[in-house]
N, C-alpha and C. Protein backbone atom coordinates (compact mmCIF):
# COMPACT_ATOMS: atom_id res chain seq x y z
N UNK A 1 60.13 -14.56 -21.39
CA UNK A 1 59.42 -13.61 -22.09
C UNK A 1 59.72 -12.55 -21.52
N UNK A 2 60.01 -11.35 -22.13
CA UNK A 2 60.41 -10.09 -21.60
C UNK A 2 59.28 -8.99 -21.87
N UNK A 3 58.86 -8.75 -20.57
CA UNK A 3 57.71 -7.56 -20.66
C UNK A 3 58.03 -6.20 -20.07
N UNK A 4 57.71 -5.27 -21.07
CA UNK A 4 58.40 -3.96 -20.49
C UNK A 4 57.10 -3.53 -19.45
N UNK A 5 57.78 -3.22 -18.42
CA UNK A 5 56.83 -2.90 -17.22
C UNK A 5 56.51 -1.54 -17.52
N UNK A 6 56.73 -0.62 -18.12
CA UNK A 6 55.95 0.64 -18.17
C UNK A 6 55.12 0.35 -19.39
N UNK A 7 55.11 -0.39 -20.15
CA UNK A 7 53.97 -0.75 -21.43
C UNK A 7 52.99 -1.46 -20.46
N UNK A 8 53.27 -2.17 -19.57
CA UNK A 8 52.21 -3.06 -18.56
C UNK A 8 51.56 -2.01 -17.81
N UNK A 9 52.32 -1.07 -17.14
CA UNK A 9 51.63 -0.17 -16.30
C UNK A 9 50.64 0.94 -17.10
N UNK A 10 51.12 1.31 -18.18
CA UNK A 10 50.25 2.10 -19.00
C UNK A 10 48.77 1.08 -19.30
N UNK A 11 49.24 -0.12 -19.93
CA UNK A 11 47.94 -0.87 -20.33
C UNK A 11 47.05 -1.00 -19.30
N UNK A 12 47.43 -1.46 -17.84
CA UNK A 12 46.89 -1.45 -16.76
C UNK A 12 45.70 -0.38 -16.19
N UNK A 13 46.62 0.75 -16.37
CA UNK A 13 45.86 2.21 -16.22
C UNK A 13 44.68 2.29 -17.15
N UNK A 14 44.88 1.98 -18.67
CA UNK A 14 43.85 2.12 -19.42
C UNK A 14 42.67 1.18 -19.26
N UNK A 15 42.97 -0.11 -18.76
CA UNK A 15 42.12 -0.95 -18.41
C UNK A 15 41.34 -0.61 -17.33
N UNK A 16 41.91 -0.21 -16.18
CA UNK A 16 41.39 0.52 -15.01
C UNK A 16 40.49 1.57 -15.22
N UNK A 17 41.14 2.66 -15.97
CA UNK A 17 40.50 3.49 -16.30
C UNK A 17 39.02 3.38 -17.21
N UNK A 18 38.92 2.50 -18.46
CA UNK A 18 37.91 2.01 -19.21
C UNK A 18 36.82 1.48 -18.18
N UNK A 19 37.40 0.57 -17.28
CA UNK A 19 36.44 0.00 -16.28
C UNK A 19 35.70 0.87 -15.63
N UNK A 20 36.20 1.71 -15.02
CA UNK A 20 35.76 3.13 -14.01
C UNK A 20 34.70 3.78 -14.97
N UNK A 21 35.11 4.07 -16.01
CA UNK A 21 34.20 4.88 -17.05
C UNK A 21 32.77 3.83 -17.22
N UNK A 22 33.32 2.61 -17.44
CA UNK A 22 31.77 1.92 -17.71
C UNK A 22 31.17 1.66 -16.56
N UNK A 23 31.71 1.87 -15.29
CA UNK A 23 30.84 1.56 -14.00
C UNK A 23 30.11 2.52 -14.05
N UNK A 24 30.51 3.87 -14.15
CA UNK A 24 30.09 5.22 -14.05
C UNK A 24 28.77 5.16 -15.12
N UNK A 25 28.95 4.64 -16.36
CA UNK A 25 27.65 4.40 -17.27
C UNK A 25 26.78 3.63 -17.13
N UNK A 26 27.21 2.72 -16.64
CA UNK A 26 25.97 1.60 -15.84
C UNK A 26 25.23 2.26 -15.01
N UNK A 27 25.96 2.97 -13.89
CA UNK A 27 25.37 3.37 -12.72
C UNK A 27 24.54 4.44 -13.40
N UNK A 28 24.54 5.35 -14.31
CA UNK A 28 23.71 6.25 -14.86
C UNK A 28 22.41 5.75 -15.65
N UNK A 29 23.02 4.37 -16.25
CA UNK A 29 21.89 3.63 -17.09
C UNK A 29 20.89 3.09 -15.82
N UNK A 30 21.52 2.55 -14.87
CA UNK A 30 20.54 1.75 -13.75
C UNK A 30 19.56 3.27 -13.30
N UNK A 31 20.44 4.01 -13.26
CA UNK A 31 19.40 5.32 -12.50
C UNK A 31 18.27 5.72 -13.43
N UNK A 32 18.44 5.74 -15.01
CA UNK A 32 17.60 5.93 -15.73
C UNK A 32 16.50 5.12 -15.85
N UNK A 33 16.79 3.93 -16.01
CA UNK A 33 15.54 2.65 -15.76
C UNK A 33 15.13 2.61 -14.53
N UNK A 34 15.62 3.23 -13.55
CA UNK A 34 14.71 2.92 -12.12
C UNK A 34 13.85 4.45 -12.14
N UNK A 35 14.27 5.09 -12.89
CA UNK A 35 13.47 6.25 -12.85
C UNK A 35 12.19 5.81 -13.70
N UNK A 36 12.59 5.29 -14.68
CA UNK A 36 11.22 5.02 -15.79
C UNK A 36 10.51 4.26 -15.28
N UNK A 37 11.04 3.13 -14.23
CA UNK A 37 10.07 2.19 -14.06
C UNK A 37 9.09 2.88 -12.88
N UNK A 38 9.80 3.83 -11.91
CA UNK A 38 9.04 4.64 -11.04
C UNK A 38 7.90 5.13 -11.74
N UNK A 39 8.35 5.83 -12.83
CA UNK A 39 7.10 6.80 -13.68
C UNK A 39 6.17 5.61 -14.28
N UNK A 40 6.55 4.36 -14.42
CA UNK A 40 5.69 3.61 -15.26
C UNK A 40 4.34 3.06 -13.79
N UNK A 41 5.29 2.90 -12.69
CA UNK A 41 4.35 2.13 -11.54
C UNK A 41 3.33 3.75 -11.03
N UNK A 42 3.96 4.57 -11.17
CA UNK A 42 3.10 5.81 -10.97
C UNK A 42 1.46 5.79 -11.91
N UNK A 43 2.13 5.50 -13.13
CA UNK A 43 1.02 5.71 -13.91
C UNK A 43 -0.12 4.51 -13.79
N UNK A 44 0.66 3.37 -13.55
CA UNK A 44 -0.21 2.31 -13.28
C UNK A 44 -0.83 2.27 -12.13
N UNK A 45 -0.54 3.12 -10.99
CA UNK A 45 -1.08 3.32 -9.77
C UNK A 45 -2.54 4.53 -10.16
N UNK A 46 -1.96 5.16 -10.93
CA UNK A 46 -3.43 6.21 -11.15
C UNK A 46 -4.33 5.50 -11.91
N UNK A 47 -4.06 4.80 -12.85
CA UNK A 47 -5.16 3.75 -13.48
C UNK A 47 -5.93 2.89 -12.44
N UNK A 48 -5.15 2.25 -11.52
CA UNK A 48 -5.75 1.36 -10.78
C UNK A 48 -6.79 2.24 -9.61
N UNK A 49 -6.34 3.76 -9.51
CA UNK A 49 -7.22 4.13 -8.41
C UNK A 49 -8.54 4.98 -9.28
N UNK A 50 -8.80 5.03 -10.43
CA UNK A 50 -9.78 5.25 -11.11
C UNK A 50 -10.78 4.14 -10.82
N UNK A 51 -12.20 5.17 -10.88
CA UNK A 51 -13.32 4.52 -10.44
C UNK A 51 -13.53 3.85 -11.87
N UNK A 52 -14.64 2.83 -11.99
CA UNK A 52 -15.17 2.16 -13.08
C UNK A 52 -15.88 3.53 -14.03
N UNK A 53 -16.24 4.37 -13.43
CA UNK A 53 -16.82 5.39 -14.44
C UNK A 53 -15.77 6.16 -14.90
N UNK A 54 -14.92 6.52 -14.29
CA UNK A 54 -13.84 7.22 -14.89
C UNK A 54 -13.03 6.64 -16.07
N UNK A 55 -12.72 5.08 -15.88
CA UNK A 55 -12.28 4.47 -16.82
C UNK A 55 -13.30 4.18 -17.90
N UNK A 56 -14.67 4.22 -18.00
CA UNK A 56 -15.90 3.94 -18.86
C UNK A 56 -15.47 5.56 -19.64
N UNK A 57 -15.53 6.49 -18.84
CA UNK A 57 -15.38 7.89 -19.73
C UNK A 57 -14.02 7.98 -20.37
N UNK A 58 -13.09 7.60 -19.66
CA UNK A 58 -11.62 7.49 -20.81
C UNK A 58 -12.05 6.76 -21.71
N UNK A 59 -12.40 5.09 -21.67
CA UNK A 59 -12.58 4.81 -23.23
C UNK A 59 -13.58 5.34 -23.80
N UNK A 60 -14.62 6.15 -23.56
CA UNK A 60 -15.19 6.61 -24.47
C UNK A 60 -14.78 7.81 -25.12
N UNK A 61 -14.16 8.52 -24.47
CA UNK A 61 -13.17 9.67 -25.00
C UNK A 61 -12.08 9.28 -26.09
N UNK A 62 -11.65 8.22 -25.90
CA UNK A 62 -10.59 7.51 -26.61
C UNK A 62 -11.22 6.82 -27.98
N UNK A 63 -12.59 6.30 -27.36
CA UNK A 63 -13.33 5.94 -28.68
C UNK A 63 -13.93 6.86 -29.76
N UNK A 64 -14.09 7.99 -29.32
CA UNK A 64 -14.57 9.25 -29.79
C UNK A 64 -13.64 9.77 -30.67
N UNK A 65 -12.14 10.15 -30.07
CA UNK A 65 -11.03 10.38 -30.76
C UNK A 65 -10.57 9.61 -32.10
N UNK A 66 -10.73 8.55 -31.87
CA UNK A 66 -10.61 7.44 -32.89
C UNK A 66 -11.34 7.84 -33.86
N UNK A 67 -12.82 7.54 -33.80
CA UNK A 67 -13.65 8.03 -34.45
C UNK A 67 -13.39 9.05 -35.31
N UNK A 68 -13.35 10.09 -34.51
CA UNK A 68 -12.96 11.47 -35.30
C UNK A 68 -11.48 11.20 -36.49
N UNK A 69 -10.56 10.96 -35.89
CA UNK A 69 -9.40 10.56 -36.75
C UNK A 69 -9.89 9.75 -37.95
N UNK A 70 -10.59 8.67 -37.93
CA UNK A 70 -11.02 7.95 -38.64
C UNK A 70 -12.04 8.65 -40.07
N UNK A 71 -12.94 9.47 -39.29
CA UNK A 71 -13.79 10.57 -40.14
C UNK A 71 -12.86 11.47 -41.15
N UNK A 72 -11.91 12.07 -40.25
CA UNK A 72 -10.83 12.95 -40.97
C UNK A 72 -10.28 12.13 -42.04
N UNK A 73 -9.42 10.96 -41.83
CA UNK A 73 -8.85 10.43 -42.71
C UNK A 73 -9.70 10.38 -43.93
N UNK A 74 -11.02 9.61 -43.79
CA UNK A 74 -11.79 9.27 -44.95
C UNK A 74 -12.29 10.64 -45.97
N UNK A 75 -12.48 11.98 -45.01
CA UNK A 75 -12.59 13.15 -45.77
C UNK A 75 -11.27 13.49 -46.60
N UNK A 76 -10.34 13.08 -46.04
CA UNK A 76 -8.91 13.58 -46.86
C UNK A 76 -9.01 12.76 -47.84
N UNK A 77 -9.40 11.48 -47.85
CA UNK A 77 -9.32 10.37 -49.02
C UNK A 77 -10.29 10.84 -50.14
N UNK A 78 -11.49 11.35 -49.62
CA UNK A 78 -12.16 11.79 -50.45
C UNK A 78 -12.45 12.76 -51.12
N UNK A 79 -11.55 14.08 -50.67
CA UNK A 79 -11.23 15.08 -51.30
C UNK A 79 -10.15 14.90 -52.44
N UNK A 80 -9.02 13.79 -51.95
CA UNK A 80 -7.98 13.73 -52.87
C UNK A 80 -8.50 12.91 -53.90
N UNK A 81 -9.58 11.99 -53.59
CA UNK A 81 -10.13 11.35 -55.23
C UNK A 81 -10.91 12.19 -55.75
N UNK A 82 -11.69 13.16 -55.39
CA UNK A 82 -12.52 14.35 -55.96
C UNK A 82 -11.81 14.92 -56.92
N UNK A 83 -10.41 15.35 -56.38
CA UNK A 83 -9.35 16.13 -57.27
C UNK A 83 -8.81 15.14 -58.39
N UNK A 84 -8.82 14.21 -58.15
CA UNK A 84 -8.28 13.37 -59.51
C UNK A 84 -8.83 13.14 -60.56
N UNK A 85 -10.25 13.44 -60.26
CA UNK A 85 -11.15 13.21 -61.46
C UNK A 85 -11.39 14.23 -62.58
């Protein structure tokens, strides 16, 4: 089998170059994942640090926001129904 050394060298260069680029991209991806995990851990720690009263207040606020959103949707639906008549 006759292999052209120049073509083999060029092929090897492309393989090594692509592997180096892939390694850099994987490193960047790992950094992004690490930062995201740190952010999630910080948020969880902040929630665990809340007192029961703070958690109750937060739950009531979300409950009220949800109720307000449902009321607004119902009003919009009622307005749309009235104009259809």
